Amino acid sequence: MDRDLLDWCRRLPKIELHLHLEGAIPLDALWELVRKYGGDAGLDGPAALAERFRYRDFAHFIDVWVWKNRFLREYDDFTLVAEAFARDLAAQRIRYVEAFFSPGDFARHGLAVQPLAAAIRAGLDRVDDVEVALIADLIRDTGPEVAAATLEAVAEVRELGVIGVGLGGSEQSFPPEPFAPVYDRARRLDLRTTVHAGEAAGPASIWGAIRALRPERIGHGTRAGEDPALVGHLAAARLPVEACPLSNVATGVVGSLDEHPIRRLRDAGVLVTVNTDDPKMFGSSLAEELALLQARLGFSADEVRGLLLDAVAASWLPGPGQQELADAFRGDPAWSTSPST
């Protein structure tokens, strides 16, 4: 990859709307927890973790996700990783994030939603250079009843910066329709809504999510391009899509970056944002995502700036907050430079 191009993307102020805290733990911090609890045979350092984070397909990725979460067992673990997460974001010049956390994954360790959210916020608050709002992933795999209970607990910790809910997990096995009452309740609680769709399942999953859940954003939406009518609907409705190109390559959702539909979706008028999803599990960064869009998919520097501003517009910041962030981006010294300067 062109070094000047990557350096420019690193210098740009950035925003993420689809980023999982548990998938963005710096490997040194995760390795600290592996040592704390006793790692698997063959793991002898952060580099070995990086090797573990390679996937045959999406189902294998979910298996590795579950394995990794075995090392998050105490509230203090979440304060540790949240601080490391925030410091890493700040170092990347990511200024605002709406980050998923998955409280249901840790009920087996006896961790309750409210103190878990407080532990995460305690770690985030140790870092001043990035603002992180939280989205609770209600997790398809545990079913709508557990999701409903998690939602009620989440509603009690909005003062900790929990602003919305999402629905991740094994999309190919758990369709969205049974979760419609949960999303109706989330709206009554004044929580924002997004849903993973079109990642491990096809356009029907996205249509189902739109019709049953009425989300404000679509997570991934990768396979929307298989249905021109769906692409037209997304564009006409200005329903933001949280695209995660390198994640989709890593989990086998698309065969290569060159096959990713983000270019076609944006050209069709879909409001697309660029995100990393689980960057430490994929060995990627947002700067690399943006640089590769230019190097491989023909995006210009102006289009990259446009993608970042579209993400600000698709964020759940209040209107004045969106304007303030957009103005800060435009006023940043790196904004008006080019990849060669």
Protein backbone atom coordinates (compact mmCIF):
# COMPACT_ATOMS: atom_id res chain seq x y z
CA MET A 1 0.00 0.00 0.00
CA ASP A 2 1.19 3.55 -0.74
CA ARG A 3 2.81 4.84 2.45
CA ASP A 4 1.84 8.48 1.83
CA LEU A 5 -1.77 7.45 1.34
CA LEU A 6 -1.87 5.46 4.57
CA ASP A 7 -0.12 8.24 6.51
CA TRP A 8 -2.70 10.75 5.29
CA CYS A 9 -5.55 8.51 6.42
CA ARG A 10 -3.88 8.13 9.80
CA ARG A 11 -3.65 11.91 10.18
CA LEU A 12 -7.30 12.53 9.31
CA PRO A 13 -9.77 12.95 12.20
CA LYS A 14 -12.12 9.97 12.05
CA ILE A 15 -15.37 8.49 13.36
CA GLU A 16 -16.62 4.89 13.85
CA LEU A 17 -20.26 3.82 14.09
CA HIS A 18 -19.84 0.02 13.94
CA LEU A 19 -17.14 -1.08 16.34
CA HIS A 20 -17.37 -3.86 18.93
CA LEU A 21 -15.50 -3.17 22.14
CA GLU A 22 -14.75 -6.86 22.65
CA GLY A 23 -13.37 -7.14 19.11
CA ALA A 24 -11.20 -4.04 19.43
CA ILE A 25 -9.18 -4.91 22.53
CA PRO A 26 -5.49 -4.18 21.91
CA LEU A 27 -3.69 -7.51 21.88
CA ASP A 28 -1.35 -6.55 24.72
CA ALA A 29 -4.35 -5.92 26.98
CA LEU A 30 -6.05 -9.15 25.90
CA TRP A 31 -2.83 -11.06 26.48
CA GLU A 32 -2.76 -9.67 30.03
CA LEU A 33 -6.13 -11.32 30.63
CA VAL A 34 -5.07 -14.58 28.97
CA ARG A 35 -2.14 -14.75 31.39
CA LYS A 36 -4.41 -13.83 34.30
CA TYR A 37 -6.78 -16.72 33.68
CA GLY A 38 -4.43 -19.23 32.09
CA GLY A 39 -4.29 -19.41 28.32
CA ASP A 40 -4.74 -22.33 25.99
CA ALA A 41 -1.76 -24.48 25.11
CA GLY A 42 0.27 -22.95 22.32
CA LEU A 43 -0.45 -19.33 23.22
CA ASP A 44 2.77 -17.65 24.26
CA GLY A 45 2.18 -13.97 23.57
CA PRO A 46 0.21 -11.34 21.63
CA ALA A 47 1.59 -12.61 18.31
CA ALA A 48 0.05 -16.01 19.00
CA LEU A 49 -3.30 -14.29 19.57
CA ALA A 50 -3.00 -12.66 16.16
CA GLU A 51 -2.49 -16.10 14.62
CA ARG A 52 -5.57 -17.42 16.42
CA PHE A 53 -7.60 -14.61 14.84
CA ARG A 54 -7.81 -16.16 11.37
CA TYR A 55 -11.11 -17.57 10.15
CA ARG A 56 -12.37 -20.21 7.76
CA ASP A 57 -15.80 -18.57 7.51
CA PHE A 58 -18.29 -16.50 9.50
CA ALA A 59 -19.33 -19.40 11.75
CA HIS A 60 -15.68 -19.99 12.66
CA PHE A 61 -15.33 -16.29 13.50
CA ILE A 62 -18.26 -16.60 15.94
CA ASP A 63 -16.57 -19.61 17.55
CA VAL A 64 -13.35 -17.63 18.04
CA TRP A 65 -15.35 -14.68 19.40
CA VAL A 66 -16.87 -16.95 22.05
CA TRP A 67 -13.43 -18.37 22.89
CA LYS A 68 -11.93 -14.88 23.33
CA ASN A 69 -14.73 -13.80 25.66
CA ARG A 70 -13.74 -16.54 28.12
CA PHE A 71 -11.00 -14.17 29.28
CA LEU A 72 -13.39 -11.38 30.27
CA ARG A 73 -14.71 -12.60 33.61
CA GLU A 74 -14.65 -9.75 36.15
CA TYR A 75 -15.82 -6.15 36.11
CA ASP A 76 -12.23 -4.95 36.51
CA ASP A 77 -11.36 -6.77 33.26
CA PHE A 78 -13.76 -4.50 31.42
CA THR A 79 -12.31 -1.36 32.97
CA LEU A 80 -8.86 -2.53 31.87
CA VAL A 81 -9.84 -3.26 28.28
CA ALA A 82 -12.07 -0.19 27.94
CA GLU A 83 -9.20 2.09 28.88
CA ALA A 84 -6.84 0.30 26.47
CA PHE A 85 -9.53 0.47 23.76
CA ALA A 86 -10.01 4.22 24.23
CA ARG A 87 -6.28 4.96 24.25
CA ASP A 88 -5.90 3.03 21.01
CA LEU A 89 -8.75 5.00 19.41
CA ALA A 90 -7.25 8.31 20.48
CA ALA A 91 -3.86 7.32 19.07
CA GLN A 92 -5.57 6.61 15.72
CA ARG A 93 -7.17 10.09 15.71
CA ILE A 94 -10.64 8.57 15.98
CA ARG A 95 -12.57 11.34 17.69
CA TYR A 96 -16.06 9.91 18.14
CA VAL A 97 -17.28 6.30 18.39
CA GLU A 98 -20.59 4.53 18.89
CA ALA A 99 -19.33 1.21 20.22
CA PHE A 100 -21.16 -2.06 20.78
CA PHE A 101 -20.77 -4.05 23.95
CA SER A 102 -22.38 -7.46 24.48
CA PRO A 103 -23.53 -7.86 28.09
CA GLY A 104 -25.39 -11.10 27.42
CA ASP A 105 -22.11 -12.84 26.57
CA PHE A 106 -20.94 -12.45 30.14
CA ALA A 107 -23.97 -13.50 32.16
CA ARG A 108 -22.35 -16.93 32.49
CA HIS A 109 -19.63 -15.26 34.54
CA GLY A 110 -22.24 -13.73 36.84
CA LEU A 111 -21.82 -10.23 35.44
CA ALA A 112 -24.92 -8.03 35.48
CA VAL A 113 -25.63 -5.44 32.82
CA GLN A 114 -25.63 -2.34 35.00
CA PRO A 115 -22.28 -2.80 36.81
CA LEU A 116 -20.75 -4.09 33.57
CA ALA A 117 -21.68 -0.86 31.80
CA ALA A 118 -20.32 1.12 34.76
CA ALA A 119 -17.01 -0.77 34.60
CA ILE A 120 -16.69 -0.02 30.89
CA ARG A 121 -17.48 3.65 31.43
CA ALA A 122 -14.89 3.87 34.20
CA GLY A 123 -12.21 2.75 31.77
CA LEU A 124 -13.40 5.01 28.95
CA ASP A 125 -13.46 8.03 31.26
CA ARG A 126 -9.72 7.70 31.85
CA VAL A 127 -9.07 8.90 28.27
CA ASP A 128 -9.93 12.47 27.27
CA ASP A 129 -9.18 12.54 23.54
CA VAL A 130 -12.07 10.42 22.25
CA GLU A 131 -15.80 10.39 22.97
CA VAL A 132 -17.37 6.92 23.15
CA ALA A 133 -21.11 6.31 23.28
CA LEU A 134 -22.27 2.75 23.92
CA ILE A 135 -24.72 0.49 22.07
CA ALA A 136 -25.85 -2.72 23.78
CA ASP A 137 -25.82 -5.75 21.47
CA LEU A 138 -28.88 -7.79 22.42
CA ILE A 139 -27.43 -10.90 20.67
CA ARG A 140 -29.71 -12.95 18.42
CA ASP A 141 -28.43 -16.29 19.67
CA THR A 142 -29.90 -15.90 23.16
CA GLY A 143 -33.42 -15.33 21.84
CA PRO A 144 -36.00 -12.54 22.21
CA GLU A 145 -36.86 -13.21 25.87
CA VAL A 146 -33.28 -12.73 27.01
CA ALA A 147 -32.96 -9.75 24.67
CA ALA A 148 -36.04 -8.17 26.28
CA ALA A 149 -34.60 -8.63 29.76
CA THR A 150 -31.26 -7.20 28.67
CA LEU A 151 -33.04 -4.20 27.17
CA GLU A 152 -34.76 -3.36 30.44
CA ALA A 153 -31.42 -3.48 32.26
CA VAL A 154 -29.78 -1.35 29.58
CA ALA A 155 -32.48 1.30 29.97
CA GLU A 156 -31.36 1.78 33.57
CA VAL A 157 -27.84 2.86 32.60
CA ARG A 158 -28.46 5.50 29.98
CA GLU A 159 -26.67 8.00 32.23
CA LEU A 160 -23.51 5.98 31.52
CA GLY A 161 -23.71 6.93 27.86
CA VAL A 162 -25.66 3.90 26.61
CA ILE A 163 -27.61 5.43 23.74
CA GLY A 164 -28.97 2.51 21.75
CA VAL A 165 -29.29 -1.19 21.04
CA GLY A 166 -28.25 -3.49 18.21
CA LEU A 167 -28.70 -7.13 17.25
CA GLY A 168 -25.59 -9.11 16.35
CA GLY A 169 -24.66 -12.78 16.51
CA SER A 170 -25.48 -15.66 14.18
CA GLU A 171 -27.66 -13.91 11.61
CA GLN A 172 -27.79 -17.02 9.43
CA SER A 173 -29.54 -18.99 12.21
CA PHE A 174 -31.68 -16.37 13.95
CA PRO A 175 -33.92 -14.17 11.76
CA PRO A 176 -34.92 -10.69 12.94
CA GLU A 177 -38.71 -10.97 13.03
CA PRO A 178 -39.06 -12.51 16.54
CA PHE A 179 -37.28 -9.47 17.97
CA ALA A 180 -39.88 -6.95 16.75
CA PRO A 181 -41.48 -6.44 20.21
CA VAL A 182 -38.03 -5.83 21.69
CA TYR A 183 -37.32 -3.09 19.16
CA ASP A 184 -40.75 -1.55 19.71
CA ARG A 185 -39.97 -1.41 23.42
CA ALA A 186 -36.53 0.11 22.75
CA ARG A 187 -38.16 2.97 20.86
CA ARG A 188 -40.60 3.55 23.72
CA LEU A 189 -37.57 3.78 26.01
CA ASP A 190 -36.05 6.43 23.72
CA LEU A 191 -33.12 4.22 22.75
CA ARG A 192 -31.73 4.34 19.23
CA THR A 193 -31.72 1.20 17.07
CA THR A 194 -29.45 -0.55 14.61
CA VAL A 195 -29.30 -4.18 13.47
CA HIS A 196 -26.70 -6.44 11.86
CA ALA A 197 -28.21 -7.63 8.58
CA GLY A 198 -26.91 -8.78 5.23
CA GLU A 199 -23.64 -10.08 6.65
CA ALA A 200 -24.08 -13.81 7.14
CA ALA A 201 -27.45 -13.91 5.35
CA GLY A 202 -28.82 -12.43 2.16
CA PRO A 203 -31.13 -9.58 1.14
CA ALA A 204 -34.18 -11.26 2.71
CA SER A 205 -32.56 -10.78 6.10
CA ILE A 206 -32.15 -7.05 5.45
CA TRP A 207 -35.74 -6.72 4.25
CA GLY A 208 -36.90 -8.63 7.32
CA ALA A 209 -34.94 -6.33 9.62
CA ILE A 210 -36.28 -3.20 7.92
CA ARG A 211 -39.90 -4.33 7.98
CA ALA A 212 -40.02 -5.98 11.41
CA LEU A 213 -37.54 -3.95 13.43
CA ARG A 214 -37.63 -0.54 11.69
CA PRO A 215 -34.01 0.24 12.61
CA GLU A 216 -32.35 3.63 12.17
CA ARG A 217 -29.22 2.04 10.65
CA ILE A 218 -28.22 -1.26 9.05
CA GLY A 219 -25.04 -2.93 10.25
CA HIS A 220 -22.98 -4.36 7.36
CA GLY A 221 -25.69 -4.55 4.67
CA THR A 222 -23.05 -6.23 2.52
CA ARG A 223 -25.39 -8.43 0.51
CA ALA A 224 -27.89 -5.69 -0.27
CA GLY A 225 -26.33 -5.40 -3.71
CA GLU A 226 -27.85 -8.75 -4.66
CA ASP A 227 -31.29 -7.06 -4.76
CA PRO A 228 -31.57 -3.86 -6.84
CA ALA A 229 -34.95 -3.07 -5.29
CA LEU A 230 -33.38 -3.18 -1.84
CA VAL A 231 -30.54 -0.90 -2.92
CA GLY A 232 -33.13 1.52 -4.29
CA HIS A 233 -35.05 1.44 -1.01
CA LEU A 234 -31.93 2.06 1.08
CA ALA A 235 -31.01 5.01 -1.12
CA ALA A 236 -34.50 6.52 -1.20
CA ALA A 237 -34.99 6.13 2.55
CA ARG A 238 -31.48 7.42 3.29
CA LEU A 239 -31.17 4.50 5.70
CA PRO A 240 -27.50 4.52 6.72
CA VAL A 241 -25.44 1.38 6.14
CA GLU A 242 -22.55 0.67 8.50
CA ALA A 243 -20.19 -0.95 5.99
CA CYS A 244 -17.23 -2.98 7.30
CA PRO A 245 -15.20 -3.97 4.21
CA LEU A 246 -12.11 -5.61 5.73
CA SER A 247 -14.24 -7.46 8.28
CA ASN A 248 -16.28 -8.94 5.45
CA VAL A 249 -13.12 -10.12 3.71
CA ALA A 250 -11.69 -11.62 6.91
CA THR A 251 -14.84 -13.63 7.68
CA GLY A 252 -15.40 -14.76 4.09
CA VAL A 253 -18.58 -12.76 3.51
CA VAL A 254 -16.89 -11.50 0.33
CA GLY A 255 -14.02 -13.18 -1.45
CA SER A 256 -11.81 -10.10 -1.68
CA LEU A 257 -11.90 -6.36 -1.16
CA ASP A 258 -12.25 -5.89 -4.91
CA GLU A 259 -15.60 -7.73 -4.70
CA HIS A 260 -16.97 -5.61 -1.87
CA PRO A 261 -20.12 -3.67 -2.87
CA ILE A 262 -19.36 -0.43 -0.99
CA ARG A 263 -18.41 1.39 -4.18
CA ARG A 264 -21.59 0.29 -5.97
CA LEU A 265 -23.80 1.11 -2.98
CA ARG A 266 -22.42 4.62 -2.66
CA ASP A 267 -22.67 5.22 -6.40
CA ALA A 268 -26.34 4.17 -6.16
CA GLY A 269 -26.97 6.88 -3.57
CA VAL A 270 -26.91 4.76 -0.41
CA LEU A 271 -25.67 6.62 2.68
CA VAL A 272 -22.66 4.44 3.47
CA THR A 273 -20.28 4.78 6.42
CA VAL A 274 -16.93 2.98 6.82
CA ASN A 275 -16.14 1.02 9.96
CA THR A 276 -13.78 -1.68 11.25
CA ASP A 277 -16.19 -3.92 13.24
CA ASP A 278 -13.60 -6.00 15.19
CA PRO A 279 -10.26 -4.52 14.12
CA LYS A 280 -7.96 -6.28 16.58
CA MET A 281 -9.47 -9.61 15.55
CA PHE A 282 -8.88 -8.75 11.89
CA GLY A 283 -5.52 -7.02 12.14
CA SER A 284 -6.96 -3.89 10.53
CA SER A 285 -7.51 -0.21 11.28
CA LEU A 286 -9.84 2.51 10.08
CA ALA A 287 -6.93 4.31 8.37
CA GLU A 288 -6.20 1.11 6.41
CA GLU A 289 -9.87 0.79 5.45
CA LEU A 290 -9.90 4.32 4.06
CA ALA A 291 -6.55 3.95 2.30
CA LEU A 292 -7.58 0.70 0.63
CA LEU A 293 -10.84 2.21 -0.58
CA GLN A 294 -8.69 4.68 -2.49
CA ALA A 295 -6.01 2.24 -3.62
CA ARG A 296 -8.30 -0.61 -4.64
CA LEU A 297 -11.83 0.69 -5.19
CA GLY A 298 -11.22 4.05 -6.79
CA PHE A 299 -12.38 6.36 -4.03
CA SER A 300 -10.90 9.85 -4.20
CA ALA A 301 -9.59 11.87 -1.27
CA ASP A 302 -12.71 14.06 -1.47
CA GLU A 303 -14.90 10.96 -1.35
CA VAL A 304 -13.08 9.76 1.76
CA ARG A 305 -13.75 13.11 3.40
CA GLY A 306 -17.36 12.73 2.31
CA LEU A 307 -17.61 9.27 3.87
CA LEU A 308 -16.39 10.67 7.19
CA LEU A 309 -18.88 13.53 7.09
CA ASP A 310 -21.66 11.09 6.13
CA ALA A 311 -20.79 9.09 9.24
CA VAL A 312 -21.11 12.24 11.34
CA ALA A 313 -24.55 12.82 9.80
CA ALA A 314 -25.54 9.18 10.45
CA SER A 315 -24.35 9.30 14.05
CA TRP A 316 -26.71 9.60 16.99
CA LEU A 317 -25.16 12.79 18.24
CA PRO A 318 -27.76 15.53 18.74
CA GLY A 319 -27.92 17.99 15.84
CA PRO A 320 -25.65 20.61 17.45
CA GLY A 321 -23.16 17.87 18.33
CA GLN A 322 -23.09 16.70 14.72
CA GLN A 323 -22.44 20.23 13.51
CA GLU A 324 -19.69 20.74 16.07
CA LEU A 325 -17.96 17.50 15.09
CA ALA A 326 -18.26 18.21 11.35
CA ASP A 327 -16.81 21.68 11.90
CA ALA A 328 -13.96 20.22 13.94
CA PHE A 329 -13.17 17.76 11.14
CA ARG A 330 -13.17 20.49 8.49
CA GLY A 331 -11.00 22.71 10.66
CA ASP A 332 -8.41 20.03 11.39
CA PRO A 333 -4.99 20.75 9.81
CA ALA A 334 -4.98 17.35 8.05
CA TRP A 335 -8.41 17.83 6.46
CA SER A 336 -7.33 20.21 3.70
CA THR A 337 -4.15 18.34 2.87
CA SER A 338 -3.78 15.64 0.21
CA PRO A 339 -2.28 12.15 0.47
CA SER A 340 0.99 13.45 -0.95
CA THR A 341 1.42 16.34 1.52
